[in-house]
Amino acid sequence: MAPSPINSRTSAAIAAALFVLVIVLYWASHFGGPPQGGPGAPGTRGNAPSAAAGDQQNSIDLSDAQLSAVKVEPVEERDFPREKEAVGSIDFNEEMSVQVFTPYAGRIIGLFASVGDNVKRGQTLFTIDSPDLLQAESTLIAAAGVLEMTTRNLARLKELYTTRAVSQRDLDQGISEQQTAEGNLRAGRDAVRLFGKTDAEIDRIVADRKADPTLVVPCSIDGRITARNGAPGLYVQPGSAPAPFTVTNIDTMWMLANVAENDSPAFQVGQPVQVRISAFPGRLFDGKITTVGASVDPNTRRVLVRSEIKDPQHELRSGMFANFVIIVGASVRSPAIALGGVVREGDGSQTIWVTADRRRFARRTVQIGGQREGYRQILDGVRPGELVATEGAIFLSNMLATASAR
């Protein structure tokens, strides 16, 4: 008797089902689950986050051992001042800088200071052999000799006049000559005094009848030697560059910075600034803006901003790397996360890791603002009170990247 068509179809269906079951069991035993696209097939294997949904692609579960590498804290609100920052360098205050020239021509005899030396006002910097000083001292000595001679002659004329041995005209002539000699001596002393000689030194020149052509050139301000161009034997003249010495008052220094064109309207002359120096980590130097450039550099699109920085301890050096912060508005209260909780991703975005149960962490993109006292301002993307990873955020990002690469 031939088999019924219905029974044949039933047997074929049972055979097909058995075949599918065998394939599923084989796949499960060798690959840990049904084949891709089969019933109940997951998107990924093991402990990696599920790719079935967009949120699950940016989340990860941690084991107890892995949780020890992560610190979780609630988001706080903190006050962040509205600040602008710029990078620059320290320079000498050129408005407090003096070029020390010789007041008269001559050849340098000796130099008594070097670059970097701190000097005081009146301290000798160099000496020159001055023909002008020699001439003035010679004239002084001659005037002193003439005065001495006319004084003796007047005394003799007065004695002779008492005996009527000379006329009144001769006596008057002697008085006039003696007064002229006194005036010449005073003029000679004043001329030598212009070279920096003291009254005691002038008296010694007159007494010894010996001219000293050594002209002493002193420092005119307290400061530091910032340049030295003089050398023994070099002929120097008043105002002839370069000056033998340059002295700068270093109680204040300049910080020169080039700020972006878009930020330049925020900077105004007189605004207080706080400067951080790379050589002095953790310290702030106070100052104020003294100059905002009148033009924009056409190549860099930046504006020069110059600040005057107080340096009473004379610690700063020209050329030091620095950056300054200036407050341009009232403080803003915003959510804040410790710096270690914000990760800069490869595409330039800033992300944090948020959790609700301290085990599953979800990555979230945020918009950041300023930085203060170890905390980063969050402008958008998180609310106060949410739990975030403040330490180990990079560890979480690396875990997710590793899982996604499988």
Protein backbone atom coordinates (compact mmCIF):
# COMPACT_ATOMS: atom_id res chain seq x y z
CA MET A 1 0.00 0.00 0.00
CA ALA A 2 1.51 3.41 -1.04
CA PRO A 3 2.26 5.97 1.72
CA SER A 4 -0.18 8.78 2.17
CA PRO A 5 0.93 12.20 0.85
CA ILE A 6 0.12 13.77 4.21
CA ASN A 7 2.37 11.33 6.07
CA SER A 8 5.20 12.03 3.62
CA ARG A 9 4.97 15.76 4.19
CA THR A 10 4.94 15.25 7.97
CA SER A 11 8.02 13.05 7.88
CA ALA A 12 9.88 15.62 5.75
CA ALA A 13 9.04 18.42 8.19
CA ILE A 14 10.24 16.34 11.17
CA ALA A 15 13.48 15.54 9.37
CA ALA A 16 14.09 19.20 8.54
CA ALA A 17 13.46 20.21 12.17
CA LEU A 18 15.87 17.57 13.42
CA PHE A 19 18.48 18.80 10.97
CA VAL A 20 18.15 22.44 12.19
CA LEU A 21 18.33 21.27 15.81
CA VAL A 22 21.54 19.37 15.12
CA ILE A 23 23.09 22.46 13.48
CA VAL A 24 22.13 24.66 16.45
CA LEU A 25 23.50 22.20 18.99
CA TYR A 26 26.72 21.86 17.04
CA TRP A 27 27.18 25.64 16.83
CA ALA A 28 26.41 26.10 20.51
CA SER A 29 28.90 23.43 21.55
CA HIS A 30 31.69 24.93 19.45
CA PHE A 31 31.04 28.70 19.53
CA GLY A 32 29.13 29.28 22.75
CA GLY A 33 25.81 30.24 21.18
CA PRO A 34 23.55 29.93 18.15
CA PRO A 35 24.86 31.20 14.83
CA GLN A 36 24.73 34.90 13.89
CA GLY A 37 21.23 35.80 12.82
CA GLY A 38 19.75 32.69 14.43
CA PRO A 39 17.14 32.71 17.14
CA GLY A 40 18.40 34.49 20.28
CA ALA A 41 21.79 35.31 18.72
CA PRO A 42 23.51 38.12 20.69
CA GLY A 43 25.45 40.86 18.99
CA THR A 44 28.72 40.18 20.89
CA ARG A 45 30.20 37.46 23.02
CA GLY A 46 31.56 37.30 26.58
CA ASN A 47 31.47 40.36 28.89
CA ALA A 48 31.52 42.99 26.13
CA PRO A 49 28.70 45.53 26.02
CA SER A 50 25.73 44.62 23.85
CA ALA A 51 25.51 46.33 20.49
CA ALA A 52 21.79 45.68 20.22
CA ALA A 53 21.00 49.26 21.21
CA GLY A 54 22.83 52.62 20.92
CA ASP A 55 23.08 53.10 24.70
CA GLN A 56 24.52 49.63 25.17
CA GLN A 57 27.30 50.39 22.67
CA ASN A 58 28.62 53.05 25.10
CA SER A 59 28.23 51.11 28.35
CA ILE A 60 30.22 48.47 30.12
CA ASP A 61 29.82 46.27 33.19
CA LEU A 62 32.66 45.89 35.66
CA SER A 63 33.57 42.97 37.85
CA ASP A 64 34.37 43.41 41.54
CA ALA A 65 38.09 43.33 40.76
CA GLN A 66 37.74 45.97 38.06
CA LEU A 67 35.69 48.25 40.32
CA SER A 68 38.74 48.76 42.53
CA ALA A 69 40.37 50.79 39.72
CA VAL A 70 37.45 53.23 39.54
CA LYS A 71 36.40 55.94 41.98
CA VAL A 72 32.78 57.10 41.86
CA GLU A 73 31.56 60.45 43.22
CA PRO A 74 28.44 62.57 42.75
CA VAL A 75 28.65 65.63 40.53
CA GLU A 76 29.02 68.83 42.55
CA GLU A 77 28.34 72.46 41.74
CA ARG A 78 31.22 74.88 41.98
CA ASP A 79 31.87 78.53 41.22
CA PHE A 80 33.92 79.14 38.11
CA PRO A 81 35.14 82.66 37.34
CA ARG A 82 34.80 83.88 33.79
CA GLU A 83 38.42 83.93 32.75
CA LYS A 84 40.58 84.30 29.69
CA GLU A 85 44.01 82.71 29.45
CA ALA A 86 47.01 83.50 27.28
CA VAL A 87 50.50 82.12 26.96
CA GLY A 88 53.54 84.37 26.82
CA SER A 89 57.03 85.00 28.11
CA ILE A 90 58.74 87.19 30.70
CA ASP A 91 60.82 90.16 29.56
CA PHE A 92 62.57 93.12 31.17
CA ASN A 93 60.53 96.25 31.78
CA GLU A 94 62.00 98.47 29.08
CA GLU A 95 60.29 101.53 30.56
CA MET A 96 62.49 101.03 33.65
CA SER A 97 65.65 100.38 31.65
CA VAL A 98 68.53 102.89 31.40
CA GLN A 99 71.42 102.91 28.95
CA VAL A 100 74.51 104.18 30.75
CA PHE A 101 76.61 106.37 28.43
CA THR A 102 79.71 108.35 29.23
CA PRO A 103 78.99 112.10 29.61
CA TYR A 104 82.28 112.92 27.83
CA ALA A 105 84.38 111.24 25.17
CA GLY A 106 87.34 109.08 26.11
CA ARG A 107 88.79 105.59 26.22
CA ILE A 108 87.56 103.04 28.73
CA ILE A 109 90.12 102.27 31.42
CA GLY A 110 88.25 99.74 33.54
CA LEU A 111 84.84 98.06 33.91
CA PHE A 112 83.44 97.05 37.29
CA ALA A 113 80.24 95.10 36.57
CA SER A 114 79.08 92.15 34.49
CA VAL A 115 75.78 91.03 33.00
CA GLY A 116 73.46 89.74 35.71
CA ASP A 117 75.03 91.75 38.53
CA ASN A 118 72.69 93.68 40.81
CA VAL A 119 73.91 97.25 41.18
CA LYS A 120 73.00 100.28 43.28
CA ARG A 121 72.56 103.89 42.29
CA GLY A 122 75.91 105.70 42.42
CA GLN A 123 77.94 102.49 42.09
CA THR A 124 80.86 102.81 39.66
CA LEU A 125 80.25 100.93 36.39
CA PHE A 126 83.29 102.00 34.37
CA THR A 127 86.02 104.64 34.12
CA ILE A 128 87.45 106.45 31.11
CA ASP A 129 90.53 108.51 30.33
CA SER A 130 88.90 111.85 29.53
CA PRO A 131 90.79 114.65 27.75
CA ASP A 132 87.95 117.03 28.61
CA LEU A 133 88.34 116.30 32.32
CA LEU A 134 92.09 116.79 32.04
CA GLN A 135 91.54 120.18 30.40
CA ALA A 136 89.02 121.25 33.05
CA GLU A 137 91.34 120.23 35.91
CA SER A 138 94.28 122.01 34.28
CA THR A 139 92.20 125.18 34.02
CA LEU A 140 91.24 124.79 37.69
CA ILE A 141 94.85 124.42 38.78
CA ALA A 142 95.85 127.49 36.75
CA ALA A 143 92.98 129.51 38.24
CA ALA A 144 94.04 128.50 41.73
CA GLY A 145 97.61 129.63 40.99
CA VAL A 146 96.46 132.98 39.63
CA LEU A 147 94.25 133.56 42.65
CA GLU A 148 97.12 132.83 44.98
CA MET A 149 99.35 135.26 43.10
CA THR A 150 96.75 138.05 42.96
CA THR A 151 95.98 137.58 46.64
CA ARG A 152 99.67 138.09 47.58
CA ASN A 153 99.91 141.07 45.22
CA LEU A 154 96.83 142.69 46.74
CA ALA A 155 98.25 142.26 50.23
CA ARG A 156 101.47 144.00 49.14
CA LEU A 157 99.58 146.84 47.45
CA LYS A 158 97.56 147.45 50.57
CA GLU A 159 100.72 147.69 52.64
CA LEU A 160 102.32 150.09 50.15
CA TYR A 161 99.18 152.20 49.97
CA THR A 162 99.36 152.88 53.69
CA THR A 163 102.74 154.59 53.09
CA ARG A 164 101.49 156.28 49.96
CA ALA A 165 103.99 154.28 47.89
CA VAL A 166 101.27 153.35 45.36
CA SER A 167 98.28 155.22 44.10
CA GLN A 168 94.63 154.48 44.69
CA ARG A 169 94.39 153.39 41.07
CA ASP A 170 97.04 150.73 41.57
CA LEU A 171 95.24 149.43 44.64
CA ASP A 172 91.91 149.30 42.81
CA GLN A 173 93.58 147.46 39.96
CA GLY A 174 94.95 144.89 42.39
CA ILE A 175 91.53 144.42 43.99
CA SER A 176 89.93 143.89 40.55
CA GLU A 177 92.52 141.33 39.54
CA GLN A 178 92.07 139.44 42.81
CA GLN A 179 88.27 139.36 42.41
CA THR A 180 88.60 138.18 38.81
CA ALA A 181 90.90 135.38 39.95
CA GLU A 182 88.38 134.33 42.59
CA GLY A 183 85.63 134.18 39.94
CA ASN A 184 87.83 132.12 37.64
CA LEU A 185 88.56 129.68 40.45
CA ARG A 186 84.86 129.27 41.21
CA ALA A 187 84.14 128.67 37.53
CA GLY A 188 86.97 126.16 37.37
CA ARG A 189 85.64 124.27 40.38
CA ASP A 190 82.15 124.21 38.85
CA ALA A 191 83.53 122.90 35.56
CA VAL A 192 85.33 120.03 37.29
CA ARG A 193 82.28 119.34 39.44
CA LEU A 194 80.31 118.65 36.23
CA PHE A 195 82.52 115.60 35.70
CA GLY A 196 81.28 114.10 38.96
CA LYS A 197 84.13 115.20 41.20
CA THR A 198 83.27 115.99 44.81
CA ASP A 199 84.41 119.13 46.66
CA ALA A 200 86.91 117.04 48.61
CA GLU A 201 88.39 115.68 45.38
CA ILE A 202 88.54 119.18 43.90
CA ASP A 203 90.30 120.51 47.00
CA ARG A 204 92.87 117.72 46.70
CA ILE A 205 93.47 118.54 43.02
CA VAL A 206 94.06 122.19 43.92
CA ALA A 207 96.27 121.37 46.89
CA ASP A 208 98.39 118.80 45.05
CA ARG A 209 98.44 120.73 41.78
CA LYS A 210 97.92 117.39 40.06
CA ALA A 211 95.27 116.67 37.41
CA ASP A 212 93.60 113.26 37.28
CA PRO A 213 91.98 112.52 33.88
CA THR A 214 90.14 109.43 35.18
CA LEU A 215 86.42 110.01 34.76
CA VAL A 216 84.16 107.78 36.87
CA VAL A 217 80.79 106.82 35.30
CA PRO A 218 78.32 105.70 37.99
CA CYS A 219 75.02 103.80 37.80
CA SER A 220 71.99 106.08 37.78
CA ILE A 221 69.38 103.63 39.18
CA ASP A 222 69.10 100.53 41.31
CA GLY A 223 68.74 97.47 39.11
CA ARG A 224 70.45 94.63 37.28
CA ILE A 225 73.00 94.75 34.48
CA THR A 226 71.12 93.44 31.45
CA ALA A 227 73.68 94.27 28.76
CA ARG A 228 77.40 95.08 28.63
CA ASN A 229 79.03 96.30 25.43
CA GLY A 230 82.07 98.10 26.81
CA ALA A 231 85.65 96.83 26.84
CA PRO A 232 88.95 98.27 28.08
CA GLY A 233 90.52 100.57 25.47
CA LEU A 234 87.25 101.14 23.61
CA TYR A 235 86.72 104.78 22.63
CA VAL A 236 83.27 105.91 23.71
CA GLN A 237 81.27 109.08 23.15
CA PRO A 238 78.10 110.50 24.71
CA GLY A 239 75.00 108.92 23.18
CA SER A 240 76.94 106.76 20.74
CA ALA A 241 75.26 103.32 20.57
CA PRO A 242 75.68 100.76 21.87
CA ALA A 243 75.88 101.97 25.44
CA PRO A 244 78.69 100.41 27.50
CA PHE A 245 76.08 99.20 30.03
CA THR A 246 72.32 98.79 30.23
CA VAL A 247 70.73 98.69 33.69
CA THR A 248 67.11 97.70 34.33
CA ASN A 249 65.03 98.08 37.45
CA ILE A 250 63.71 94.56 38.09
CA ASP A 251 61.14 95.32 40.79
CA THR A 252 58.65 94.86 37.96
CA MET A 253 58.88 92.72 34.83
CA TRP A 254 56.90 92.50 31.62
CA MET A 255 54.89 89.54 30.40
CA LEU A 256 54.35 89.62 26.66
CA ALA A 257 51.54 87.53 25.20
CA ASN A 258 49.87 87.27 21.82
CA VAL A 259 46.15 86.62 22.26
CA ALA A 260 43.68 85.42 19.65
CA GLU A 261 41.89 88.12 17.72
CA ASN A 262 38.51 86.86 18.93
CA ASP A 263 39.59 87.12 22.59
CA SER A 264 41.19 90.55 22.31
CA PRO A 265 38.04 92.57 23.18
CA ALA A 266 38.06 90.99 26.66
CA PHE A 267 41.43 92.57 27.52
CA GLN A 268 41.58 96.17 28.74
CA VAL A 269 44.38 98.34 30.09
CA GLY A 270 44.40 98.33 33.89
CA GLN A 271 42.79 94.92 34.35
CA PRO A 272 44.46 92.83 37.10
CA VAL A 273 46.10 89.59 36.00
CA GLN A 274 47.52 86.53 37.73
CA VAL A 275 50.58 84.98 36.15
CA ARG A 276 51.76 81.40 36.48
CA ILE A 277 55.44 80.73 35.78
CA SER A 278 56.58 77.28 34.69
CA ALA A 279 59.72 77.64 36.82
CA PHE A 280 57.62 78.28 39.96
CA PRO A 281 54.78 75.73 39.93
CA GLY A 282 51.92 76.42 42.30
CA ARG A 283 52.76 80.13 42.66
CA LEU A 284 50.93 83.17 41.33
CA PHE A 285 52.46 86.56 40.49
CA ASP A 286 50.19 89.60 40.50
CA GLY A 287 50.19 92.28 37.87
CA LYS A 288 48.07 94.38 35.55
CA ILE A 289 47.67 94.94 31.83
CA THR A 290 49.55 98.03 30.67
CA THR A 291 49.29 97.77 26.90
CA VAL A 292 46.87 96.23 24.39
CA GLY A 293 48.21 96.26 20.84
CA ALA A 294 46.66 98.72 18.41
CA SER A 295 46.82 96.30 15.47
CA VAL A 296 46.34 92.64 14.62
CA ASP A 297 49.22 90.64 13.19
CA PRO A 298 48.08 89.83 9.63
CA ASN A 299 49.91 86.49 9.64
CA THR A 300 48.92 85.05 13.03
CA ARG A 301 45.68 87.04 13.61
CA ARG A 302 46.84 87.79 17.13
CA VAL A 303 47.09 90.93 19.28
CA LEU A 304 49.96 91.84 21.61
CA VAL A 305 49.00 92.18 25.28
CA ARG A 306 51.66 93.43 27.68
CA SER A 307 51.34 93.12 31.45
CA GLU A 308 53.48 94.57 34.22
CA ILE A 309 54.27 91.92 36.85
CA LYS A 310 55.42 92.64 40.39
CA ASP A 311 58.65 90.86 41.32
CA PRO A 312 59.88 92.26 44.66
CA GLN A 313 62.12 89.24 45.29
CA HIS A 314 63.78 89.53 41.86
CA GLU A 315 63.06 85.89 41.02
CA LEU A 316 61.89 86.23 37.43
CA ARG A 317 64.23 86.03 34.46
CA SER A 318 63.78 87.35 30.96
CA GLY A 319 62.63 84.62 28.60
CA MET A 320 60.82 82.50 31.19
CA PHE A 321 57.71 80.73 29.87
CA ALA A 322 54.50 81.92 31.52
CA ASN A 323 50.75 82.15 31.12
CA PHE A 324 48.34 84.60 32.64
CA VAL A 325 44.69 84.45 33.65
CA ILE A 326 42.41 87.46 33.67
CA ILE A 327 38.88 87.61 35.11
CA VAL A 328 36.52 89.14 32.56
CA GLY A 329 33.19 88.65 34.35
CA ALA A 330 31.30 87.45 37.41
CA SER A 331 31.67 83.84 38.56
CA VAL A 332 29.29 81.20 37.21
CA ARG A 333 28.03 78.25 39.28
CA SER A 334 28.15 75.05 37.22
CA PRO A 335 28.40 71.26 37.61
CA ALA A 336 32.02 70.25 38.16
CA ILE A 337 33.93 66.99 37.81
CA ALA A 338 37.46 66.20 38.92
CA LEU A 339 39.98 66.50 36.08
CA GLY A 340 40.57 62.75 36.12
CA GLY A 341 36.93 62.12 35.28
CA VAL A 342 36.97 63.85 31.89
CA VAL A 343 38.45 61.99 28.91
CA ARG A 344 39.43 63.54 25.60
CA GLU A 345 38.53 61.03 22.90
CA GLY A 346 40.34 60.50 19.63
CA ASP A 347 37.78 62.54 17.71
CA GLY A 348 38.31 65.53 20.02
CA SER A 349 35.10 65.11 22.01
CA GLN A 350 35.08 65.24 25.82
CA THR A 351 33.38 62.35 27.63
CA ILE A 352 32.57 61.22 31.16
CA TRP A 353 31.37 57.89 32.60
CA VAL A 354 28.03 57.93 34.40
CA THR A 355 26.64 55.15 36.59
CA ALA A 356 23.44 54.53 38.53
CA ASP A 357 24.35 51.31 40.36
CA ARG A 358 28.15 51.73 40.60
CA ARG A 359 28.60 48.68 38.37
CA ARG A 360 27.33 49.51 34.92
CA PHE A 361 28.98 52.63 33.46
CA ALA A 362 27.75 54.53 30.43
CA ARG A 363 29.87 56.89 28.40
CA ARG A 364 28.40 60.33 27.81
CA THR A 365 29.62 63.25 25.73
CA VAL A 366 29.75 66.59 27.57
CA GLN A 367 30.63 70.19 26.84
CA ILE A 368 33.39 71.49 29.08
CA GLY A 369 34.27 74.97 30.24
CA GLY A 370 37.02 76.32 32.45
CA GLN A 371 39.25 74.67 35.00
CA ARG A 372 39.77 75.60 38.65
CA GLU A 373 41.41 73.95 41.65
CA GLY A 374 41.51 70.50 40.07
CA TYR A 375 37.94 70.52 38.74
CA ARG A 376 36.61 70.91 35.21
CA GLN A 377 33.50 72.97 34.54
CA ILE A 378 30.73 71.06 32.70
CA LEU A 379 28.52 73.34 30.62
CA ASP A 380 26.20 70.66 29.27
CA GLY A 381 25.68 66.89 29.52
CA VAL A 382 25.40 66.13 33.23
CA ARG A 383 23.34 67.23 36.24
CA PRO A 384 24.42 67.82 39.83
CA GLY A 385 24.04 64.68 41.95
CA GLU A 386 24.62 62.16 39.15
CA LEU A 387 27.24 59.54 39.92
CA VAL A 388 30.32 59.70 37.71
CA ALA A 389 33.75 58.08 37.64
CA THR A 390 36.22 60.67 38.91
CA GLU A 391 39.19 58.30 38.72
CA GLY A 392 39.71 55.49 36.23
CA ALA A 393 37.77 57.13 33.39
CA ILE A 394 40.59 56.40 30.95
CA PHE A 395 40.58 52.79 32.13
CA LEU A 396 36.87 52.55 31.26
CA SER A 397 37.41 54.10 27.83
CA ASN A 398 40.20 51.63 27.10
CA MET A 399 38.00 48.71 28.18
CA LEU A 400 35.21 49.82 25.86
CA ALA A 401 37.61 50.31 22.97
CA THR A 402 39.03 46.82 23.53
CA ALA A 403 35.58 45.27 23.70
CA SER A 404 34.43 47.06 20.55
CA ALA A 405 37.46 45.84 18.65
CA ARG A 406 36.61 42.16 19.24
